[in-house]
N, C-alpha and C. Protein backbone atom coordinates (compact mmCIF):
# COMPACT_ATOMS: atom_id res chain seq x y z
N MET A 1 5.42 1.22 33.52
CA MET A 1 5.24 -0.06 33.78
C MET A 1 6.07 -0.31 34.98
N GLY A 2 5.47 -1.19 35.78
CA GLY A 2 6.26 -1.54 36.98
C GLY A 2 6.91 -2.91 36.76
N TRP A 3 8.21 -3.03 37.29
CA TRP A 3 8.86 -4.25 37.29
C TRP A 3 9.33 -4.67 38.81
N SER A 4 9.50 -6.09 38.86
CA SER A 4 9.89 -6.63 40.23
C SER A 4 11.27 -6.16 40.44
N LYS A 5 11.55 -5.91 41.70
CA LYS A 5 12.84 -5.66 42.05
C LYS A 5 13.69 -6.93 42.05
N GLU A 6 13.20 -8.03 41.71
CA GLU A 6 13.84 -9.36 41.66
C GLU A 6 14.36 -9.37 40.24
N HIS A 7 14.04 -8.60 39.29
CA HIS A 7 14.60 -8.58 37.98
C HIS A 7 16.02 -8.12 38.09
N SER A 8 16.69 -8.45 37.15
CA SER A 8 18.27 -8.03 36.94
C SER A 8 18.08 -6.56 36.44
N ASN A 9 19.45 -5.76 36.85
CA ASN A 9 19.64 -4.45 36.45
C ASN A 9 19.43 -4.40 34.71
N ALA A 10 20.10 -5.36 34.10
CA ALA A 10 20.02 -5.56 32.73
C ALA A 10 18.70 -5.65 32.10
N TRP A 11 17.96 -6.42 32.69
CA TRP A 11 16.37 -6.53 32.40
C TRP A 11 15.84 -5.12 32.58
N LEU A 12 16.13 -4.56 33.64
CA LEU A 12 15.32 -3.14 33.90
C LEU A 12 15.72 -2.13 32.94
N GLU A 13 17.06 -2.12 32.67
CA GLU A 13 17.59 -1.14 31.63
C GLU A 13 17.05 -1.47 30.06
N LEU A 14 16.85 -2.80 29.90
CA LEU A 14 16.28 -3.19 28.59
C LEU A 14 14.85 -2.82 28.36
N MET A 15 14.11 -2.98 29.49
CA MET A 15 12.52 -2.62 29.39
C MET A 15 12.48 -1.19 29.27
N ASP A 16 13.40 -0.45 30.10
CA ASP A 16 13.38 1.12 29.88
C ASP A 16 13.46 1.59 28.53
N ALA A 17 14.58 0.87 27.89
CA ALA A 17 15.06 1.38 26.36
C ALA A 17 14.03 1.01 25.56
N TYR A 18 13.40 -0.16 25.83
CA TYR A 18 12.08 -0.62 24.79
C TYR A 18 11.06 0.47 25.12
N GLU A 19 10.56 0.69 26.32
CA GLU A 19 9.48 1.79 26.46
C GLU A 19 9.97 3.14 25.65
N GLU A 20 11.17 3.46 25.85
CA GLU A 20 11.51 4.71 25.21
C GLU A 20 11.47 4.56 23.71
N PHE A 21 11.82 3.41 23.14
CA PHE A 21 11.75 3.12 21.69
C PHE A 21 10.54 3.19 21.23
N THR A 22 9.57 2.51 21.86
CA THR A 22 7.93 2.58 21.38
C THR A 22 7.54 3.82 21.34
N ALA A 23 7.86 4.65 22.44
CA ALA A 23 7.38 6.08 22.52
C ALA A 23 7.96 6.96 21.31
N LYS A 24 9.07 6.76 20.94
CA LYS A 24 9.76 7.68 19.99
C LYS A 24 9.04 7.15 18.48
N VAL A 25 8.93 5.77 18.48
CA VAL A 25 8.31 5.19 17.06
C VAL A 25 6.65 5.84 16.97
N PHE A 26 6.01 5.84 18.15
CA PHE A 26 4.84 6.42 18.15
C PHE A 26 4.74 7.90 17.76
N ARG A 27 5.62 8.57 18.19
CA ARG A 27 5.76 9.91 17.89
C ARG A 27 6.11 10.02 16.32
N TRP A 28 6.98 9.44 16.06
CA TRP A 28 7.46 9.51 14.43
C TRP A 28 6.20 9.08 13.62
N ALA A 29 5.42 8.08 14.08
CA ALA A 29 4.35 7.58 13.25
C ALA A 29 3.20 8.73 13.10
N HIS A 30 3.28 9.65 14.02
CA HIS A 30 2.25 10.61 13.95
C HIS A 30 2.80 12.01 13.48
N GLU A 31 4.03 11.96 12.87
CA GLU A 31 4.49 13.09 12.18
C GLU A 31 3.73 13.23 10.85
N ASN A 32 3.90 14.57 10.29
CA ASN A 32 3.42 14.95 9.08
C ASN A 32 3.88 13.81 7.94
N ASN A 33 2.95 13.49 7.03
CA ASN A 33 3.33 12.63 5.97
C ASN A 33 4.53 12.96 5.25
N ASP A 34 4.55 14.35 4.91
CA ASP A 34 5.74 14.81 4.09
C ASP A 34 7.00 14.30 5.20
N VAL A 35 7.09 14.51 6.22
CA VAL A 35 8.38 14.14 7.09
C VAL A 35 8.65 12.89 7.18
N LYS A 36 7.57 11.99 7.20
CA LYS A 36 7.76 10.46 7.16
C LYS A 36 8.22 9.91 5.92
N TYR A 37 7.63 10.73 4.61
CA TYR A 37 8.09 10.19 3.34
C TYR A 37 9.53 10.66 3.09
N HIS A 38 9.97 11.87 3.45
CA HIS A 38 11.36 12.16 3.56
C HIS A 38 12.29 11.34 4.19
N ASP A 39 11.89 11.07 5.46
CA ASP A 39 12.84 10.18 6.31
C ASP A 39 13.04 8.76 5.61
N LEU A 40 12.00 8.04 5.31
CA LEU A 40 11.90 6.85 4.73
C LEU A 40 12.51 6.80 3.29
N TYR A 41 12.31 7.99 2.61
CA TYR A 41 12.88 7.97 1.18
C TYR A 41 14.38 8.19 1.20
N MET A 42 14.90 8.74 2.12
CA MET A 42 16.24 8.92 2.63
C MET A 42 17.04 7.59 2.63
N GLU A 43 16.34 6.71 3.47
CA GLU A 43 16.81 5.30 3.75
C GLU A 43 16.52 4.44 2.59
N LEU A 44 15.28 4.36 1.97
CA LEU A 44 14.86 3.32 1.12
C LEU A 44 15.23 3.71 -0.33
N GLY A 45 15.31 4.99 -0.66
CA GLY A 45 15.64 5.52 -2.12
C GLY A 45 17.10 5.26 -2.57
N ILE A 46 17.90 4.93 -1.51
CA ILE A 46 19.50 4.90 -1.79
C ILE A 46 19.64 3.78 -2.92
N PRO A 47 20.52 4.24 -3.89
CA PRO A 47 20.69 3.11 -4.99
C PRO A 47 21.25 1.79 -4.26
N ILE A 48 20.91 0.53 -4.78
CA ILE A 48 21.44 -0.59 -4.29
C ILE A 48 22.85 -0.74 -4.01
N ILE A 49 23.79 -0.04 -5.07
CA ILE A 49 25.08 -0.16 -4.83
C ILE A 49 25.78 0.45 -3.64
N GLU A 50 25.11 1.67 -3.44
CA GLU A 50 25.45 2.37 -2.17
C GLU A 50 24.92 2.17 -0.95
N ARG A 51 24.07 1.25 -0.81
CA ARG A 51 23.49 1.06 0.46
C ARG A 51 24.23 0.32 1.55
N ASP A 52 23.75 0.40 2.89
CA ASP A 52 24.34 -0.20 3.87
C ASP A 52 23.24 -1.36 4.15
N LEU A 53 23.64 -2.47 3.91
CA LEU A 53 22.72 -3.64 4.10
C LEU A 53 22.12 -3.64 5.38
N HIS A 54 22.97 -3.70 6.37
CA HIS A 54 22.53 -3.90 7.82
C HIS A 54 21.52 -2.74 8.30
N LYS A 55 21.92 -1.48 7.73
CA LYS A 55 20.82 -0.28 7.98
C LYS A 55 19.51 -0.43 7.20
N ARG A 56 19.58 -0.90 6.15
CA ARG A 56 18.45 -1.15 5.35
C ARG A 56 17.47 -2.29 5.86
N LEU A 57 18.17 -3.32 6.41
CA LEU A 57 17.43 -4.35 7.15
C LEU A 57 16.82 -3.94 8.31
N ARG A 58 17.53 -3.15 9.25
CA ARG A 58 16.84 -2.44 10.22
C ARG A 58 15.64 -1.71 9.95
N ILE A 59 15.67 -0.96 8.90
CA ILE A 59 14.49 -0.11 8.59
C ILE A 59 13.34 -0.88 8.03
N MET A 60 13.80 -2.01 7.26
CA MET A 60 12.62 -2.76 6.88
C MET A 60 12.04 -3.55 7.90
N ASN A 61 12.89 -4.07 8.86
CA ASN A 61 12.37 -4.58 10.01
C ASN A 61 11.34 -3.71 10.93
N LEU A 62 11.74 -2.44 11.10
CA LEU A 62 10.87 -1.32 11.46
C LEU A 62 9.56 -1.23 11.01
N LEU A 63 9.72 -1.24 9.57
CA LEU A 63 8.26 -1.04 8.76
C LEU A 63 7.59 -2.34 8.86
N ARG A 64 8.01 -3.39 9.10
CA ARG A 64 7.22 -4.59 8.97
C ARG A 64 6.76 -5.03 10.44
N ASN A 65 7.35 -4.66 11.49
CA ASN A 65 7.20 -5.08 12.77
C ASN A 65 6.42 -4.12 13.68
N THR A 66 6.36 -2.84 13.27
CA THR A 66 5.78 -1.73 13.93
C THR A 66 4.18 -1.77 13.53
N ASP A 67 3.32 -2.11 14.55
CA ASP A 67 1.97 -2.18 14.15
C ASP A 67 1.11 -0.93 14.81
N MET A 68 2.02 -0.15 15.52
CA MET A 68 1.31 1.13 16.23
C MET A 68 0.97 2.17 15.17
N TRP A 69 1.36 2.07 13.98
CA TRP A 69 0.92 3.13 12.99
C TRP A 69 0.33 2.49 11.70
N ASP A 70 -0.32 3.33 11.06
CA ASP A 70 -1.27 2.73 10.03
C ASP A 70 -0.27 2.51 8.76
N GLU A 71 -1.17 2.23 7.75
CA GLU A 71 -0.30 1.90 6.44
C GLU A 71 0.11 3.13 5.66
N LYS A 72 -0.33 4.27 6.16
CA LYS A 72 0.05 5.50 5.34
C LYS A 72 1.49 5.49 5.04
N ALA A 73 2.44 5.33 6.14
CA ALA A 73 3.80 5.25 5.78
C ALA A 73 4.32 4.44 4.77
N ILE A 74 3.60 3.09 4.75
CA ILE A 74 4.00 2.13 3.66
C ILE A 74 3.52 2.82 2.42
N LEU A 75 2.42 3.34 2.34
CA LEU A 75 1.79 3.90 0.96
C LEU A 75 2.80 4.94 0.39
N LEU A 76 3.28 5.80 1.35
CA LEU A 76 4.12 6.91 0.90
C LEU A 76 5.39 6.16 0.16
N VAL A 77 5.89 5.27 0.41
CA VAL A 77 7.21 4.53 -0.20
C VAL A 77 6.98 3.18 -0.68
N ARG A 78 5.92 3.09 -1.17
CA ARG A 78 5.60 1.84 -1.79
C ARG A 78 6.29 1.50 -3.09
N GLY A 79 6.74 2.63 -3.76
CA GLY A 79 7.51 2.52 -5.06
C GLY A 79 8.97 1.98 -4.68
N GLU A 80 9.49 2.54 -3.68
CA GLU A 80 10.66 2.17 -3.35
C GLU A 80 10.87 0.72 -2.48
N LEU A 81 9.61 0.52 -1.62
CA LEU A 81 9.77 -0.88 -1.16
C LEU A 81 9.33 -1.88 -2.22
N THR A 82 8.59 -1.60 -3.31
CA THR A 82 8.49 -2.60 -4.43
C THR A 82 9.86 -2.79 -5.14
N LYS A 83 10.70 -1.80 -5.64
CA LYS A 83 12.12 -1.91 -5.91
C LYS A 83 12.97 -2.98 -4.95
N ILE A 84 12.72 -2.56 -3.73
CA ILE A 84 13.53 -3.32 -2.70
C ILE A 84 13.08 -4.89 -2.79
N ALA A 85 11.76 -5.18 -2.63
CA ALA A 85 11.13 -6.48 -2.74
C ALA A 85 11.54 -7.16 -4.05
N LEU A 86 11.90 -6.56 -5.03
CA LEU A 86 12.06 -7.18 -6.38
C LEU A 86 13.78 -7.40 -6.34
N GLN A 87 14.52 -6.48 -6.08
CA GLN A 87 16.02 -6.35 -6.24
C GLN A 87 16.80 -6.84 -5.25
N GLU A 88 16.17 -6.98 -3.94
CA GLU A 88 17.16 -7.48 -2.99
C GLU A 88 17.22 -8.96 -2.85
N GLU A 89 18.20 -9.48 -1.97
CA GLU A 89 18.28 -10.84 -1.68
C GLU A 89 17.23 -11.23 -0.62
N ASP A 90 17.10 -12.62 -0.21
CA ASP A 90 15.96 -13.14 0.42
C ASP A 90 15.50 -12.23 1.55
N GLU A 91 16.26 -12.10 2.62
CA GLU A 91 15.85 -11.54 3.85
C GLU A 91 15.26 -10.14 3.62
N VAL A 92 15.88 -9.30 2.89
CA VAL A 92 15.64 -7.88 2.89
C VAL A 92 14.30 -7.75 1.89
N ALA A 93 14.27 -8.55 0.97
CA ALA A 93 13.27 -8.61 0.05
C ALA A 93 11.80 -9.12 0.77
N ALA A 94 12.24 -10.08 1.64
CA ALA A 94 10.90 -10.67 2.37
C ALA A 94 10.48 -9.61 3.40
N CYS A 95 11.31 -8.91 4.05
CA CYS A 95 10.90 -7.70 5.04
C CYS A 95 10.04 -6.70 4.07
N ALA A 96 10.51 -6.36 2.96
CA ALA A 96 9.93 -5.49 2.07
C ALA A 96 8.52 -5.82 1.67
N ARG A 97 8.44 -7.32 1.25
CA ARG A 97 7.00 -7.82 0.92
C ARG A 97 6.19 -7.82 2.13
N MET A 98 6.58 -8.17 3.41
CA MET A 98 6.00 -8.01 4.58
C MET A 98 5.31 -6.75 5.07
N ALA A 99 6.21 -5.67 4.70
CA ALA A 99 5.75 -4.42 4.71
C ALA A 99 4.54 -3.94 3.69
N LEU A 100 4.84 -4.38 2.64
CA LEU A 100 3.86 -4.01 1.51
C LEU A 100 2.44 -4.66 1.82
N LYS A 101 2.48 -5.96 2.19
CA LYS A 101 1.34 -6.60 2.87
C LYS A 101 0.47 -5.74 3.92
N LYS A 102 0.88 -4.90 4.34
CA LYS A 102 0.10 -3.96 5.27
C LYS A 102 -0.87 -3.11 4.53
N MET A 103 -0.69 -2.99 3.29
CA MET A 103 -1.63 -2.17 2.19
C MET A 103 -2.89 -3.01 2.33
N LYS A 104 -3.99 -2.76 2.65
CA LYS A 104 -5.08 -3.27 2.67
C LYS A 104 -6.06 -3.07 1.37
N HIS A 105 -5.91 -2.02 0.63
CA HIS A 105 -6.83 -1.71 -0.46
C HIS A 105 -6.22 -2.08 -1.67
N CYS A 106 -7.06 -2.79 -2.65
CA CYS A 106 -6.97 -3.21 -3.91
C CYS A 106 -6.21 -2.32 -4.80
N PRO A 107 -6.60 -0.97 -4.85
CA PRO A 107 -5.97 -0.03 -5.93
C PRO A 107 -4.39 -0.04 -5.73
N GLU A 108 -3.98 0.13 -4.25
CA GLU A 108 -2.72 0.37 -3.90
C GLU A 108 -2.01 -1.03 -4.18
N ARG A 109 -2.36 -2.25 -4.02
CA ARG A 109 -1.86 -3.43 -4.45
C ARG A 109 -1.62 -3.51 -6.00
N THR A 110 -2.71 -3.08 -6.66
CA THR A 110 -2.70 -3.28 -8.10
C THR A 110 -1.58 -2.21 -8.67
N ASP A 111 -1.53 -1.05 -8.09
CA ASP A 111 -0.16 -0.32 -8.32
C ASP A 111 1.03 -0.92 -8.22
N VAL A 112 1.38 -1.51 -7.05
CA VAL A 112 2.42 -2.26 -6.85
C VAL A 112 2.63 -3.43 -7.93
N ALA A 113 1.47 -4.23 -8.35
CA ALA A 113 1.65 -5.18 -9.23
C ALA A 113 1.97 -4.69 -10.62
N ASP A 114 1.46 -3.44 -10.91
CA ASP A 114 1.76 -2.79 -12.25
C ASP A 114 3.38 -2.42 -12.23
N LYS A 115 3.78 -2.05 -11.15
CA LYS A 115 5.14 -1.61 -11.03
C LYS A 115 6.04 -3.05 -11.14
N VAL A 116 5.68 -4.04 -10.54
CA VAL A 116 6.42 -5.11 -10.68
C VAL A 116 6.52 -5.61 -12.27
N PHE A 117 5.43 -5.52 -12.96
CA PHE A 117 5.49 -5.80 -14.49
C PHE A 117 6.31 -4.70 -15.14
N ILE A 118 6.31 -3.37 -14.82
CA ILE A 118 7.23 -2.56 -15.37
C ILE A 118 8.63 -2.83 -15.06
N ILE A 119 9.13 -3.18 -14.09
CA ILE A 119 10.48 -3.58 -13.60
C ILE A 119 10.82 -4.77 -14.16
N ALA A 120 10.06 -5.76 -14.24
CA ALA A 120 10.29 -7.06 -14.81
C ALA A 120 10.70 -6.99 -16.36
N SER A 121 9.69 -6.26 -17.09
CA SER A 121 10.01 -6.08 -18.39
C SER A 121 11.29 -5.26 -18.73
N THR A 122 11.61 -4.26 -17.99
CA THR A 122 12.74 -3.63 -18.26
C THR A 122 13.90 -4.45 -18.04
N GLU A 123 13.89 -5.36 -16.89
CA GLU A 123 14.99 -6.12 -16.78
C GLU A 123 15.03 -7.53 -17.69
N ALA A 124 13.87 -7.77 -18.23
CA ALA A 124 13.83 -8.97 -19.23
C ALA A 124 14.62 -8.55 -20.72
N LYS A 125 14.65 -7.15 -21.04
CA LYS A 125 15.30 -6.63 -22.04
C LYS A 125 16.88 -6.55 -21.97
N LYS A 126 17.21 -6.73 -20.87
CA LYS A 126 18.81 -6.55 -20.83
C LYS A 126 19.43 -8.09 -21.15
N GLU A 127 20.75 -7.76 -21.65
CA GLU A 127 21.44 -8.90 -22.11
C GLU A 127 21.54 -9.95 -21.11
N LYS A 128 21.87 -9.64 -19.84
CA LYS A 128 21.90 -10.64 -18.76
C LYS A 128 21.00 -10.28 -17.71
N PRO A 129 19.61 -10.56 -17.88
CA PRO A 129 18.77 -10.14 -16.65
C PRO A 129 19.13 -10.79 -15.23
N ASP A 130 18.89 -10.15 -14.29
CA ASP A 130 18.88 -10.45 -12.94
C ASP A 130 17.70 -11.33 -12.58
N CYS A 131 17.88 -12.54 -12.46
CA CYS A 131 16.70 -13.65 -12.42
C CYS A 131 15.98 -13.51 -11.07
N ILE A 132 16.77 -13.02 -10.03
CA ILE A 132 16.16 -12.81 -8.69
C ILE A 132 14.77 -11.91 -8.92
N ILE A 133 14.96 -10.98 -9.60
CA ILE A 133 13.72 -9.91 -9.78
C ILE A 133 12.63 -10.82 -10.08
N PHE A 134 12.70 -11.69 -10.99
CA PHE A 134 11.45 -12.51 -11.52
C PHE A 134 10.84 -13.37 -10.36
N HIS A 135 11.69 -14.03 -9.83
CA HIS A 135 11.47 -14.92 -8.55
C HIS A 135 10.78 -13.98 -7.47
N ASN A 136 11.45 -12.90 -7.09
CA ASN A 136 10.98 -12.10 -6.07
C ASN A 136 9.48 -11.52 -6.55
N GLY A 137 9.57 -11.17 -8.11
CA GLY A 137 8.31 -10.47 -8.50
C GLY A 137 7.12 -11.57 -8.42
N CYS A 138 7.37 -12.85 -8.51
CA CYS A 138 6.37 -13.83 -8.39
C CYS A 138 5.90 -13.98 -6.86
N MET A 139 7.04 -14.00 -5.94
CA MET A 139 6.46 -13.91 -4.56
C MET A 139 5.73 -12.86 -4.17
N LEU A 140 6.19 -11.68 -4.72
CA LEU A 140 5.42 -10.37 -4.14
C LEU A 140 3.90 -10.33 -4.55
N LEU A 141 3.78 -10.79 -5.99
CA LEU A 141 2.37 -10.91 -6.39
C LEU A 141 1.53 -11.77 -5.60
N HIS A 142 2.19 -12.97 -5.24
CA HIS A 142 1.60 -14.16 -4.56
C HIS A 142 1.27 -13.59 -3.24
N ASP A 143 2.04 -12.79 -2.40
CA ASP A 143 2.12 -12.30 -1.07
C ASP A 143 0.91 -11.30 -0.98
N LEU A 144 0.80 -10.67 -2.03
CA LEU A 144 -0.10 -9.36 -2.09
C LEU A 144 -1.53 -10.13 -2.59
N GLY A 145 -1.64 -11.19 -2.85
CA GLY A 145 -2.92 -11.87 -3.39
C GLY A 145 -3.45 -11.27 -4.69
N CYS A 146 -2.41 -10.97 -5.52
CA CYS A 146 -2.80 -10.59 -6.86
C CYS A 146 -2.76 -11.86 -7.91
N LYS A 147 -3.90 -12.55 -7.84
CA LYS A 147 -3.97 -13.82 -8.59
C LYS A 147 -3.96 -13.69 -10.15
N GLU A 148 -4.75 -12.66 -10.41
CA GLU A 148 -4.82 -12.43 -11.78
C GLU A 148 -3.50 -12.01 -12.42
N GLN A 149 -2.67 -11.05 -11.72
CA GLN A 149 -1.45 -10.65 -12.11
C GLN A 149 -0.50 -11.94 -12.19
N LEU A 150 -0.47 -12.51 -11.21
CA LEU A 150 0.46 -13.64 -10.98
C LEU A 150 0.12 -14.70 -12.13
N GLU A 151 -1.11 -14.90 -12.44
CA GLU A 151 -1.50 -15.90 -13.70
C GLU A 151 -0.94 -15.29 -14.91
N ARG A 152 -0.68 -13.93 -15.01
CA ARG A 152 -0.14 -13.39 -16.39
C ARG A 152 1.42 -13.32 -16.29
N PHE A 153 1.96 -13.16 -15.05
CA PHE A 153 3.48 -13.04 -14.80
C PHE A 153 4.09 -14.46 -15.02
N ILE A 154 3.60 -15.61 -14.43
CA ILE A 154 4.31 -16.66 -14.48
C ILE A 154 4.51 -17.11 -15.91
N PRO A 155 3.43 -17.18 -16.79
CA PRO A 155 3.84 -17.70 -18.21
C PRO A 155 4.83 -16.67 -18.83
N GLN A 156 4.77 -15.45 -18.70
CA GLN A 156 5.63 -14.61 -19.20
C GLN A 156 6.98 -14.55 -18.93
N TYR A 157 7.21 -15.20 -17.65
CA TYR A 157 8.74 -15.08 -17.13
C TYR A 157 8.97 -16.49 -16.53
N ARG A 158 8.40 -17.39 -16.89
CA ARG A 158 8.46 -18.85 -16.29
C ARG A 158 9.99 -19.23 -16.19
N HIS A 159 10.72 -19.24 -17.48
CA HIS A 159 12.00 -19.43 -17.52
C HIS A 159 13.09 -18.70 -16.55
N LEU A 160 12.79 -17.40 -16.45
CA LEU A 160 13.64 -16.72 -15.68
C LEU A 160 13.34 -17.11 -14.12
N ILE A 161 12.16 -17.27 -13.84
CA ILE A 161 11.69 -17.61 -12.57
C ILE A 161 12.56 -19.03 -12.02
N TYR A 162 12.38 -19.97 -13.07
CA TYR A 162 13.06 -21.28 -12.88
C TYR A 162 14.60 -21.05 -12.62
N LEU A 163 15.15 -20.25 -13.32
CA LEU A 163 16.58 -20.00 -13.25
C LEU A 163 17.02 -19.56 -11.92
N ALA A 164 16.12 -18.54 -11.30
CA ALA A 164 16.30 -17.85 -10.13
C ALA A 164 16.26 -18.81 -8.82
N SER A 165 15.05 -19.57 -9.08
CA SER A 165 14.62 -20.20 -7.77
C SER A 165 14.56 -21.90 -7.92
N GLY A 166 14.41 -22.28 -9.13
CA GLY A 166 14.13 -23.78 -9.36
C GLY A 166 12.91 -24.23 -9.25
N LEU A 167 12.00 -23.08 -9.20
CA LEU A 167 10.60 -23.42 -9.07
C LEU A 167 10.11 -24.03 -10.42
N ASP A 168 9.38 -25.25 -10.69
CA ASP A 168 9.08 -25.90 -11.97
C ASP A 168 7.58 -25.65 -12.12
N GLU A 169 7.00 -26.00 -13.16
CA GLU A 169 5.70 -25.94 -13.48
C GLU A 169 4.60 -26.28 -12.37
N THR A 170 4.92 -27.36 -11.66
CA THR A 170 3.99 -27.94 -10.53
C THR A 170 4.23 -26.82 -9.38
N ASP A 171 5.28 -26.42 -9.16
CA ASP A 171 5.40 -25.37 -8.02
C ASP A 171 4.81 -24.22 -8.24
N LEU A 172 4.75 -23.75 -9.50
CA LEU A 172 4.28 -22.48 -9.85
C LEU A 172 2.66 -22.59 -10.17
N LYS A 173 2.16 -23.79 -10.34
CA LYS A 173 0.76 -23.99 -10.28
C LYS A 173 0.24 -23.89 -8.80
N LYS A 174 0.91 -24.59 -7.89
CA LYS A 174 0.46 -24.54 -6.58
C LYS A 174 0.52 -23.18 -6.03
N LEU A 175 1.48 -22.31 -6.41
CA LEU A 175 1.63 -21.00 -5.86
C LEU A 175 0.39 -20.24 -6.45
N VAL A 176 -0.09 -20.43 -7.59
CA VAL A 176 -1.26 -19.71 -8.10
C VAL A 176 -2.37 -20.10 -7.32
N GLU A 177 -2.59 -21.38 -6.94
CA GLU A 177 -3.76 -21.97 -6.42
C GLU A 177 -3.85 -21.35 -5.03
N PHE A 178 -2.80 -21.20 -4.32
CA PHE A 178 -2.76 -20.73 -2.94
C PHE A 178 -2.89 -19.22 -2.80
N THR A 179 -3.05 -18.55 -3.98
CA THR A 179 -3.11 -17.12 -3.78
C THR A 179 -4.43 -16.56 -3.67
């Protein structure tokens, strides 16, 4: 790309770095699926206690904002992304949901919905369940357009969703309507 000589040196350096970044992302996106899975799993499969929040957020933003590669990379790590979408706090969970929305096919979305129910069921059995998981599960099912699963999820975990987010009966009905 050509830039005007009137631009500042900082702008020119920034645009050079951006071009180099996009070229590297493009090369990585065309790597073998095993390589992509290994790289992503190393970053996303880290237990929550041991993770570097800023590093994970950077990876999540990369997955969400990079449109030059198809959904294959997302499909490779949908299990890890589902856990992140359920267990993380707002911003990181939202990035994971946005990445999962790149999945266009119903079987993959249904697979994620099934995983939501498994994780929520396991969490509900604990003495002190983490209510964030139920709110995030509700939001993930909504974002993926899984209306049928959302209609099952809400009655089952209504109280825990309310404890996490304050969403009441009216809010939850509206959420299902707009799915």
